[in-house]
Amino acid sequence: MRVLESIEPREVMYFFEELSGRHRCSQHEKDATDFIAAFADERGLEYHRDALDNIIVKKPGTAGYEAAPTVILHGHIDMVCKLDEGVTHDFATQGVRLKVDGDRIRAEGTTLGADNGLGISYMLALLDSEDIPHPPLECVMTVMEEMGKVGGDNIDLTKLTGKRMIDFNWIEEKQLLAGCSGDVTCRLDIDTQWQAASADRVGLSVDIRGLLGGHCEFDIHLERGNSIALLGRLLRAAMKAGDVEIARVSGGVQNNVIPAESEALLWVRADQVEAIEAAVAALAEDIRHEFRLSDPDMRITTARTDQSVERVFSPAAAARLVQVIALLPNGITNQNLEVEGNWETSNNIGLMVTAGDTVEITCTITSAVTSRKHALLDQLMLLADLAGDGVRAKQIGLDAPEFPWNPDSRMLEIAKGCYERTMGTKPDVLVSVCSLELGMFTQRIDGLDTIGIGTNLFDLHSPKESMDHTSAARVWPLIKDVMRHLDR
């Protein structure tokens, strides 16, 4: 028996379970796109698939809607793939193991991938339907959205004819999305300047675990701990307490995820171990107190290790690394004065890896105002210049534009009416702090009228991710009603 067989809306959950069984980690979407292409072939639907595995599936309008203006539907195929602590799982061969927990659908020990597998499932259910009135559909399903919107930036939009669009990559049922931010990613490279490890030393690991982490856009205002920033503070405390060499640092899983785990391997003088441990423990106690509300399960541990260390960062490289981490902006930098209650600009220190001869620190800047986004990017570039020799900063990936709010949107007016009719209440109209692929469509398709429809999803980009299936059961009638009212 399928796990979601009895969960409404069954036609949507059928496709969500099909997608969940396929490899959909960013850069590994081929299996899922193969499934979508076979789905289109079986139904005689036109589709266009590119070398990246983006796919566009088209379906004519139903009876009475043949001449209605085409509507573009959008979602992304890929998901953030992250494991809970102590879990062993191979997404490539095992997919996602689903479970139903009351009103929630979760995954066993991993991220769920409802972001944005649910949006793709809504589209597949519409494409599969024989009794839902709708205009001509152009379903755009992009890849690598979670790693810099690569699919959205490269997809051939000349294949599309529609001038109105609904995006399903949203996470709250009560809201209709009417605008969103843009983002840009910056990577700072700090040369390790490897040198031979000193003799008569012992290994000391510093480990941070148990933070809540979360999405760098939806959750950045919650003031949760950033494990990379906190590790930098702990390293500075250790280096002030004794002669410390750094052998390795790492933190985070992806640039757009607030890092929940970080670790370092230190190489310290044997006669200074206790003093360094005491300094780190004292600061760790203060940090746990600072974040007792946002991250109550935070664990900071130090442990002596018998690992052999042959090389370490040079003293200058270690000092520059700690300085850079300490000076990097993290969190919200500007509030949005135009949209009450929204934050406008933020930076997330998302990923740190020791790669070859370099420590790479990757940050994602999100903003509703392009000039402020670029100002913060320039600040990171200037920080690298100030740090000096051996530190460099560069933009990686694309500079994603914002999706500006259109107060005269006809699509928004139609969706508001449908929402009131099906939900029995008025929706909130949201201009979001998050960065989605929508700006790439609105900037490249002249006159595109766009909205987003969401379903209640929680704890995105973390193993705690869940979907409220009762919300999906309410949103599906809304989607069908919107389709019925797009007849002209």
Protein backbone atom coordinates (compact mmCIF):
# COMPACT_ATOMS: atom_id res chain seq x y z
CA MET A 1 0.00 0.00 0.00
CA ARG A 2 1.24 3.48 -0.84
CA VAL A 3 1.95 5.66 2.19
CA LEU A 4 -0.24 8.53 0.94
CA GLU A 5 -2.95 6.45 -0.72
CA SER A 6 -5.71 7.65 1.61
CA ILE A 7 -4.52 11.27 1.92
CA GLU A 8 -6.48 14.01 0.16
CA PRO A 9 -6.23 15.38 -2.42
CA ARG A 10 -5.44 11.89 -3.69
CA GLU A 11 -4.66 12.90 -7.27
CA VAL A 12 -2.04 15.36 -6.02
CA MET A 13 -0.59 13.07 -3.35
CA TYR A 14 -0.23 10.29 -5.90
CA PHE A 15 2.24 12.37 -7.87
CA PHE A 16 3.98 13.67 -4.75
CA GLU A 17 4.68 10.10 -3.68
CA GLU A 18 5.90 9.23 -7.18
CA LEU A 19 8.33 12.16 -7.12
CA SER A 20 9.44 11.36 -3.56
CA GLY A 21 10.69 7.99 -4.73
CA ARG A 22 13.01 9.60 -7.26
CA HIS A 23 16.36 11.31 -6.90
CA ARG A 24 15.73 15.06 -6.83
CA CYS A 25 18.73 16.56 -5.06
CA SER A 26 19.97 19.69 -6.83
CA GLN A 27 22.08 18.73 -9.88
CA HIS A 28 20.57 15.22 -9.82
CA GLU A 29 17.08 15.78 -11.23
CA LYS A 30 17.35 13.52 -14.29
CA ASP A 31 15.39 10.65 -12.73
CA ALA A 32 12.50 12.96 -11.87
CA THR A 33 12.57 14.69 -15.27
CA ASP A 34 12.61 11.27 -16.97
CA PHE A 35 9.41 10.49 -15.07
CA ILE A 36 7.79 13.76 -16.14
CA ALA A 37 8.80 13.26 -19.76
CA ALA A 38 7.38 9.71 -19.75
CA PHE A 39 4.21 11.08 -18.15
CA ALA A 40 3.86 13.60 -21.00
CA ASP A 41 4.56 10.97 -23.67
CA GLU A 42 1.89 8.64 -22.27
CA ARG A 43 -0.71 11.40 -22.49
CA GLY A 44 0.35 12.76 -25.86
CA LEU A 45 1.34 16.12 -24.40
CA GLU A 46 3.86 18.42 -26.03
CA TYR A 47 7.00 18.96 -23.99
CA HIS A 48 10.40 20.59 -24.28
CA ARG A 49 13.36 19.32 -22.25
CA ASP A 50 16.76 20.97 -22.23
CA ALA A 51 20.27 19.76 -21.44
CA LEU A 52 19.97 20.81 -17.79
CA ASP A 53 16.75 18.75 -17.38
CA ASN A 54 14.42 21.73 -17.17
CA ILE A 55 11.13 20.65 -18.74
CA ILE A 56 8.10 22.52 -20.10
CA VAL A 57 4.89 20.51 -20.59
CA LYS A 58 1.99 21.99 -22.53
CA LYS A 59 -1.68 21.05 -22.56
CA PRO A 60 -4.48 22.59 -24.67
CA GLY A 61 -7.41 24.31 -23.02
CA THR A 62 -10.46 22.21 -22.19
CA ALA A 63 -13.83 22.56 -23.95
CA GLY A 64 -14.91 26.18 -23.91
CA TYR A 65 -11.42 27.34 -22.89
CA GLU A 66 -9.58 26.59 -26.15
CA ALA A 67 -9.24 30.27 -27.05
CA ALA A 68 -8.63 31.55 -23.52
CA PRO A 69 -5.27 33.22 -22.89
CA THR A 70 -2.59 30.72 -21.91
CA VAL A 71 -1.50 30.51 -18.28
CA ILE A 72 2.05 29.58 -17.29
CA LEU A 73 2.40 27.39 -14.17
CA HIS A 74 5.75 27.14 -12.42
CA GLY A 75 7.56 25.11 -9.78
CA HIS A 76 11.02 23.61 -9.31
CA ILE A 77 11.85 19.91 -9.38
CA ASP A 78 14.91 19.86 -7.11
CA MET A 79 15.07 19.74 -3.33
CA VAL A 80 17.59 20.38 -0.58
CA CYS A 81 18.89 16.98 0.54
CA LYS A 82 19.89 16.97 4.19
CA LEU A 83 20.11 14.20 6.79
CA ASP A 84 19.24 14.33 10.45
CA GLU A 85 22.07 13.66 12.88
CA GLY A 86 23.06 9.99 12.95
CA VAL A 87 20.95 9.07 9.91
CA THR A 88 22.39 7.09 7.03
CA HIS A 89 20.44 7.50 3.81
CA ASP A 90 21.18 7.46 0.07
CA PHE A 91 18.83 9.82 -1.77
CA ALA A 92 20.00 8.40 -5.10
CA THR A 93 18.74 4.89 -4.39
CA GLN A 94 16.20 5.34 -1.61
CA GLY A 95 14.38 8.51 -2.54
CA VAL A 96 12.52 9.99 0.43
CA ARG A 97 10.85 7.72 2.97
CA LEU A 98 7.46 9.30 3.66
CA LYS A 99 5.40 9.04 6.83
CA VAL A 100 2.08 10.51 7.93
CA ASP A 101 2.06 12.13 11.36
CA GLY A 102 -1.45 13.41 12.04
CA ASP A 103 -2.04 16.40 9.77
CA ARG A 104 1.60 16.43 8.70
CA ILE A 105 3.55 14.52 6.10
CA ARG A 106 7.21 14.13 7.03
CA ALA A 107 10.27 12.22 5.89
CA GLU A 108 12.12 9.67 7.99
CA GLY A 109 15.39 11.28 8.98
CA THR A 110 15.73 13.58 5.96
CA THR A 111 14.35 16.66 4.30
CA LEU A 112 10.91 16.05 2.77
CA GLY A 113 11.17 17.88 -0.54
CA ALA A 114 7.66 19.35 -0.45
CA ASP A 115 9.65 22.45 -1.40
CA ASN A 116 8.88 22.21 -4.28
CA GLY A 117 7.73 18.67 -5.06
CA LEU A 118 4.22 19.64 -4.01
CA GLY A 119 4.12 22.44 -6.60
CA ILE A 120 5.19 20.00 -9.33
CA SER A 121 2.51 17.58 -8.12
CA TYR A 122 -0.21 20.21 -8.46
CA MET A 123 0.88 20.74 -12.07
CA LEU A 124 1.00 17.03 -12.88
CA ALA A 125 -2.47 16.57 -11.41
CA LEU A 126 -3.80 19.38 -13.63
CA LEU A 127 -2.06 17.94 -16.68
CA ASP A 128 -3.48 14.50 -15.87
CA SER A 129 -7.03 15.68 -15.24
CA GLU A 130 -9.93 15.10 -17.61
CA ASP A 131 -12.63 16.96 -15.69
CA ILE A 132 -11.02 20.23 -14.51
CA PRO A 133 -11.85 23.20 -16.78
CA HIS A 134 -8.73 25.20 -17.57
CA PRO A 135 -7.16 27.43 -20.24
CA PRO A 136 -4.15 26.28 -22.27
CA LEU A 137 -1.38 25.36 -19.82
CA GLU A 138 2.38 25.82 -20.08
CA CYS A 139 3.88 24.03 -17.07
CA VAL A 140 7.45 25.12 -16.42
CA MET A 141 9.44 22.82 -14.11
CA THR A 142 12.95 24.06 -13.41
CA VAL A 143 16.02 22.41 -11.89
CA MET A 144 18.81 23.53 -9.55
CA GLU A 145 16.62 26.25 -8.03
CA GLU A 146 18.01 25.48 -4.59
CA MET A 147 21.62 26.08 -5.67
CA GLY A 148 21.31 29.50 -7.25
CA LYS A 149 18.32 29.28 -9.59
CA VAL A 150 20.47 27.82 -12.33
CA GLY A 151 17.53 26.24 -14.14
CA GLY A 152 15.43 29.39 -14.15
CA ASP A 153 18.33 31.45 -15.41
CA ASN A 154 19.04 29.12 -18.33
CA ILE A 155 15.62 27.88 -19.45
CA ASP A 156 14.51 28.95 -22.92
CA LEU A 157 11.47 31.15 -22.29
CA THR A 158 10.87 31.63 -26.02
CA LYS A 159 9.03 28.30 -25.80
CA LEU A 160 6.32 30.10 -23.81
CA THR A 161 3.43 32.14 -25.15
CA GLY A 162 1.58 32.94 -21.93
CA LYS A 163 1.37 36.42 -20.41
CA ARG A 164 -0.05 35.35 -17.06
CA MET A 165 1.53 33.05 -14.54
CA ILE A 166 0.92 31.16 -11.29
CA ASP A 167 3.85 30.03 -9.17
CA PHE A 168 3.39 27.14 -6.72
CA ASN A 169 6.70 27.58 -4.87
CA TRP A 170 5.14 29.20 -1.82
CA ILE A 171 4.69 28.02 1.75
CA GLU A 172 1.62 29.63 3.35
CA GLU A 173 -1.99 28.87 2.50
CA LYS A 174 -3.36 32.14 3.84
CA GLN A 175 -1.25 34.24 1.48
CA LEU A 176 -1.30 35.12 -2.19
CA LEU A 177 2.20 36.06 -3.29
CA ALA A 178 2.32 39.37 -5.17
CA GLY A 179 6.04 40.17 -5.13
CA CYS A 180 9.39 38.89 -3.83
CA SER A 181 13.05 39.73 -3.39
CA GLY A 182 16.10 38.96 -5.48
CA ASP A 183 19.40 37.51 -4.34
CA VAL A 184 23.07 37.16 -5.15
CA THR A 185 25.73 34.78 -3.79
CA CYS A 186 29.29 35.69 -2.85
CA ARG A 187 32.17 33.35 -2.03
CA LEU A 188 35.19 34.37 -0.01
CA ASP A 189 38.34 32.28 -0.46
CA ILE A 190 40.95 32.32 2.30
CA ASP A 191 44.25 30.65 1.43
CA THR A 192 45.32 28.07 4.02
CA GLN A 193 49.06 28.59 3.36
CA TRP A 194 49.67 25.06 4.63
CA GLN A 195 52.72 24.42 6.77
CA ALA A 196 54.01 21.43 8.69
CA ALA A 197 52.23 20.85 11.99
CA SER A 198 54.30 21.58 15.08
CA ALA A 199 55.56 18.71 17.23
CA ASP A 200 54.51 17.95 20.80
CA ARG A 201 50.88 18.90 20.24
CA VAL A 202 47.51 17.24 20.58
CA GLY A 203 44.33 17.40 18.55
CA LEU A 204 41.30 19.20 19.92
CA SER A 205 37.96 19.14 18.13
CA VAL A 206 35.40 21.91 18.55
CA ASP A 207 31.93 20.88 17.48
CA ILE A 208 28.63 22.78 17.28
CA ARG A 209 25.40 20.79 16.81
CA GLY A 210 21.69 20.93 17.48
CA LEU A 211 20.89 24.39 16.11
CA LEU A 212 17.55 24.75 14.35
CA GLY A 213 19.03 26.22 11.16
CA GLY A 214 16.35 26.68 8.52
CA HIS A 215 15.78 28.67 5.35
CA CYS A 216 17.99 31.75 4.97
CA GLU A 217 15.05 33.82 3.73
CA PHE A 218 11.95 32.58 5.55
CA ASP A 219 13.70 32.05 8.90
CA ILE A 220 16.43 34.70 8.99
CA HIS A 221 14.29 37.03 11.15
CA LEU A 222 14.02 34.40 13.89
CA GLU A 223 17.55 35.25 15.09
CA ARG A 224 18.61 31.62 15.13
CA GLY A 225 22.24 30.84 15.69
CA ASN A 226 24.55 30.59 12.69
CA SER A 227 26.99 27.80 13.46
CA ILE A 228 29.73 29.22 11.21
CA ALA A 229 29.60 32.62 12.89
CA LEU A 230 29.58 30.95 16.30
CA LEU A 231 32.51 28.71 15.40
CA GLY A 232 34.48 31.83 14.48
CA ARG A 233 33.86 33.23 17.96
CA LEU A 234 34.95 29.99 19.59
CA LEU A 235 38.12 29.84 17.48
CA ARG A 236 38.98 33.39 18.48
CA ALA A 237 38.55 32.49 22.15
CA ALA A 238 40.78 29.46 21.72
CA MET A 239 43.50 31.47 19.95
CA LYS A 240 43.46 34.15 22.68
CA ALA A 241 43.90 31.45 25.33
CA GLY A 242 46.91 29.70 23.82
CA ASP A 243 49.04 28.74 20.86
CA VAL A 244 46.49 27.23 18.48
CA GLU A 245 47.00 25.88 14.99
CA ILE A 246 44.01 25.12 12.73
CA ALA A 247 44.00 21.88 10.76
CA ARG A 248 40.44 21.90 9.37
CA VAL A 249 37.18 23.85 9.50
CA SER A 250 33.76 23.14 8.03
CA GLY A 251 30.16 24.21 8.47
CA GLY A 252 26.74 24.16 6.84
CA VAL A 253 25.27 22.18 3.96
CA GLN A 254 24.23 24.79 1.39
CA ASN A 255 24.53 28.53 0.91
CA ASN A 256 20.79 29.23 1.29
CA VAL A 257 20.46 27.23 4.52
CA ILE A 258 21.18 28.72 7.94
CA PRO A 259 24.01 26.42 9.09
CA ALA A 260 23.09 24.22 12.05
CA GLU A 261 26.40 22.36 12.43
CA SER A 262 30.06 23.37 12.24
CA GLU A 263 33.32 21.89 13.42
CA ALA A 264 37.04 22.55 13.60
CA LEU A 265 40.10 20.44 14.30
CA LEU A 266 42.74 22.33 16.27
CA TRP A 267 46.35 21.41 16.97
CA VAL A 268 47.36 22.81 20.38
CA ARG A 269 50.29 22.69 22.74
CA ALA A 270 49.89 19.88 25.25
CA ASP A 271 50.62 22.16 28.20
CA GLN A 272 47.89 24.59 27.09
CA VAL A 273 45.05 22.17 26.40
CA GLU A 274 43.27 22.75 29.70
CA ALA A 275 43.45 26.53 29.40
CA ILE A 276 42.12 26.45 25.84
CA GLU A 277 39.34 24.02 26.78
CA ALA A 278 38.35 26.28 29.66
CA ALA A 279 38.24 29.39 27.46
CA VAL A 280 36.10 27.65 24.83
CA ALA A 281 33.79 26.19 27.50
CA ALA A 282 33.28 29.60 29.12
CA LEU A 283 32.33 31.23 25.83
CA ALA A 284 30.18 28.23 24.90
CA GLU A 285 28.18 28.72 28.10
CA ASP A 286 27.61 32.37 27.20
CA ILE A 287 26.59 31.47 23.64
CA ARG A 288 24.11 28.85 24.82
CA HIS A 289 22.59 31.50 27.10
CA GLU A 290 22.40 33.99 24.21
CA PHE A 291 20.49 31.50 22.05
CA ARG A 292 18.52 29.72 24.78
CA LEU A 293 15.21 30.79 23.19
CA SER A 294 15.97 30.41 19.48
CA ASP A 295 18.17 27.28 19.75
CA PRO A 296 17.42 25.51 23.03
CA ASP A 297 19.03 22.24 21.90
CA MET A 298 22.38 23.73 20.91
CA ARG A 299 25.37 21.59 21.85
CA ILE A 300 28.94 22.87 21.87
CA THR A 301 31.58 20.29 22.68
CA THR A 302 35.35 20.06 22.76
CA ALA A 303 37.12 16.74 22.74
CA ARG A 304 40.73 15.65 22.68
CA THR A 305 41.44 13.42 19.74
CA ASP A 306 44.26 11.10 18.77
CA GLN A 307 43.98 12.05 15.11
CA SER A 308 47.37 12.66 13.55
CA VAL A 309 47.85 16.10 12.00
CA GLU A 310 50.57 16.59 9.42
CA ARG A 311 49.78 20.10 8.18
CA VAL A 312 48.03 23.19 9.53
CA PHE A 313 47.11 26.66 8.33
CA SER A 314 49.87 29.24 8.66
CA PRO A 315 49.44 31.56 11.67
CA ALA A 316 48.63 34.45 9.30
CA ALA A 317 46.03 32.38 7.41
CA ALA A 318 44.40 31.20 10.66
CA ALA A 319 44.23 34.77 11.95
CA ARG A 320 42.72 36.04 8.68
CA LEU A 321 40.11 33.26 8.68
CA VAL A 322 38.92 34.14 12.18
CA GLN A 323 38.93 37.85 11.37
CA VAL A 324 36.88 37.37 8.20
CA ILE A 325 34.27 35.22 9.96
CA ALA A 326 34.01 37.74 12.81
CA LEU A 327 33.50 40.71 10.45
CA LEU A 328 31.07 39.11 8.01
CA PRO A 329 27.57 40.59 8.31
CA ASN A 330 25.01 37.94 9.16
CA GLY A 331 21.25 38.25 9.44
CA ILE A 332 18.96 41.17 8.65
CA THR A 333 20.66 44.43 7.70
CA ASN A 334 17.63 46.51 6.61
CA GLN A 335 13.92 46.55 7.35
CA ASN A 336 11.38 47.14 4.57
CA LEU A 337 9.77 50.53 5.08
CA GLU A 338 7.37 50.02 2.16
CA VAL A 339 5.86 46.72 3.33
CA GLU A 340 5.16 46.79 7.06
CA GLY A 341 6.51 43.81 8.97
CA ASN A 342 8.92 42.75 6.23
CA TRP A 343 12.68 42.82 6.30
CA GLU A 344 14.31 44.10 3.15
CA THR A 345 17.94 42.96 3.02
CA SER A 346 19.85 40.17 4.74
CA ASN A 347 22.99 38.08 4.46
CA ASN A 348 23.41 34.41 5.37
CA ILE A 349 26.86 32.91 6.01
CA GLY A 350 25.74 29.57 4.64
CA LEU A 351 28.63 27.25 3.88
CA MET A 352 32.26 26.83 4.88
CA VAL A 353 34.54 24.08 3.55
CA THR A 354 38.26 23.39 3.56
CA ALA A 355 38.89 22.63 -0.11
CA GLY A 356 42.46 21.95 -1.22
CA ASP A 357 44.53 24.99 -0.38
CA THR A 358 41.57 27.23 0.42
CA VAL A 359 38.80 27.73 2.95
CA GLU A 360 35.68 28.69 1.00
CA ILE A 361 32.94 30.67 2.76
CA THR A 362 29.76 31.13 0.75
CA CYS A 363 27.18 33.81 1.59
CA THR A 364 23.75 34.55 0.10
CA ILE A 365 22.46 38.12 0.07
CA THR A 366 18.71 38.62 -0.34
CA SER A 367 17.01 41.96 -0.93
CA ALA A 368 13.88 43.56 -2.35
CA VAL A 369 16.02 46.50 -3.50
CA THR A 370 18.74 45.81 -6.07
CA SER A 371 20.96 48.72 -5.00
CA ARG A 372 21.04 47.55 -1.38
CA LYS A 373 21.78 44.00 -2.50
CA HIS A 374 24.72 45.26 -4.53
CA ALA A 375 25.89 47.52 -1.69
CA LEU A 376 26.08 44.52 0.66
CA LEU A 377 27.86 42.48 -2.01
CA ASP A 378 30.39 45.30 -2.35
CA GLN A 379 30.83 45.29 1.43
CA LEU A 380 31.92 41.63 1.27
CA MET A 381 34.29 42.43 -1.59
CA LEU A 382 35.81 45.28 0.41
CA LEU A 383 36.16 43.04 3.46
CA ALA A 384 38.25 40.66 1.39
CA ASP A 385 40.41 43.56 0.19
CA LEU A 386 40.85 44.77 3.74
CA ALA A 387 41.82 41.30 5.00
CA GLY A 388 44.74 41.41 2.61
CA ASP A 389 46.88 38.90 0.80
CA GLY A 390 45.40 35.44 0.62
CA VAL A 391 41.73 36.51 0.82
CA ARG A 392 39.56 36.99 -2.25
CA ALA A 393 35.84 37.48 -2.84
CA LYS A 394 33.77 36.97 -5.96
CA GLN A 395 30.17 36.69 -7.04
CA ILE A 396 29.20 33.14 -7.95
CA GLY A 397 26.13 32.16 -9.90
CA LEU A 398 23.62 34.69 -11.07
CA ASP A 399 22.31 37.96 -9.75
CA ALA A 400 18.61 37.10 -9.42
CA PRO A 401 16.27 40.07 -9.83
CA GLU A 402 13.32 40.83 -7.60
CA PHE A 403 9.69 40.27 -8.67
CA PRO A 404 8.11 43.71 -8.15
CA TRP A 405 4.62 44.10 -6.78
CA ASN A 406 2.00 45.14 -9.36
CA PRO A 407 -0.97 46.78 -7.58
CA ASP A 408 -3.01 46.55 -10.84
CA SER A 409 -2.56 42.78 -11.31
CA ARG A 410 -5.60 41.18 -12.94
CA MET A 411 -4.37 37.73 -11.89
CA LEU A 412 -4.29 38.87 -8.28
CA GLU A 413 -7.88 40.13 -8.48
CA ILE A 414 -9.08 36.84 -9.96
CA ALA A 415 -7.21 34.80 -7.34
CA LYS A 416 -8.56 36.95 -4.48
CA GLY A 417 -12.13 36.31 -5.63
CA CYS A 418 -11.51 32.58 -5.95
CA TYR A 419 -9.85 32.51 -2.53
CA GLU A 420 -12.83 34.16 -0.83
CA ARG A 421 -15.21 31.79 -2.62
CA THR A 422 -13.37 28.56 -1.78
CA MET A 423 -11.80 29.45 1.59
CA GLY A 424 -14.58 31.60 3.00
CA THR A 425 -12.19 34.37 4.03
CA LYS A 426 -9.99 37.04 2.47
CA PRO A 427 -6.37 36.17 1.71
CA ASP A 428 -3.35 38.10 2.86
CA VAL A 429 -1.58 39.69 -0.09
CA LEU A 430 2.14 39.29 0.46
CA VAL A 431 5.24 40.93 -0.94
CA SER A 432 7.78 38.43 0.33
CA VAL A 433 11.30 38.73 1.66
CA CYS A 434 12.30 35.50 -0.06
CA SER A 435 14.04 35.24 -3.41
CA LEU A 436 12.32 33.01 -5.95
CA GLU A 437 12.74 32.47 -9.68
CA LEU A 438 9.81 34.77 -10.47
CA GLY A 439 11.94 37.83 -11.19
CA MET A 440 13.62 35.88 -13.98
CA PHE A 441 10.26 35.42 -15.67
CA THR A 442 8.85 38.91 -15.06
CA GLN A 443 12.09 40.53 -16.28
CA ARG A 444 12.22 38.46 -19.49
CA ILE A 445 8.56 38.16 -20.48
CA ASP A 446 7.16 41.59 -21.20
CA GLY A 447 3.84 42.26 -19.48
CA LEU A 448 3.79 39.02 -17.50
CA ASP A 449 1.11 39.12 -14.79
CA THR A 450 2.24 36.85 -11.95
CA ILE A 451 1.00 35.58 -8.60
CA GLY A 452 1.96 32.77 -6.24
CA ILE A 453 -0.31 30.29 -4.45
CA GLY A 454 1.04 28.44 -1.43
CA THR A 455 0.40 25.49 0.88
CA ASN A 456 1.44 25.32 4.53
CA LEU A 457 4.99 23.94 4.68
CA PHE A 458 7.25 24.07 7.71
CA ASP A 459 10.99 23.94 8.57
CA LEU A 460 12.17 24.02 4.97
CA HIS A 461 15.71 22.88 4.14
CA SER A 462 15.95 20.90 7.38
CA PRO A 463 15.17 17.29 8.36
CA LYS A 464 12.24 18.67 10.35
CA GLU A 465 10.52 19.75 7.12
CA SER A 466 6.83 18.88 6.96
CA MET A 467 3.72 19.48 4.86
CA ASP A 468 0.23 20.08 6.25
CA HIS A 469 -1.78 17.77 4.00
CA THR A 470 -5.06 19.27 5.22
CA SER A 471 -3.79 22.56 3.79
CA ALA A 472 -3.13 20.88 0.44
CA ALA A 473 -6.70 19.53 0.54
CA ARG A 474 -7.96 23.11 0.93
CA VAL A 475 -5.61 24.66 -1.64
CA TRP A 476 -6.41 22.16 -4.40
CA PRO A 477 -10.05 23.39 -4.74
CA LEU A 478 -8.68 26.96 -4.84
CA ILE A 479 -6.34 26.06 -7.70
CA LYS A 480 -9.17 24.39 -9.61
CA ASP A 481 -11.42 27.40 -9.07
CA VAL A 482 -8.73 29.76 -10.35
CA MET A 483 -8.39 27.57 -13.45
CA ARG A 484 -12.16 27.81 -14.05
CA HIS A 485 -12.07 31.59 -13.85
CA LEU A 486 -9.24 32.05 -16.35
CA ASP A 487 -11.59 31.68 -19.29
CA ARG A 488 -10.85 35.14 -20.67
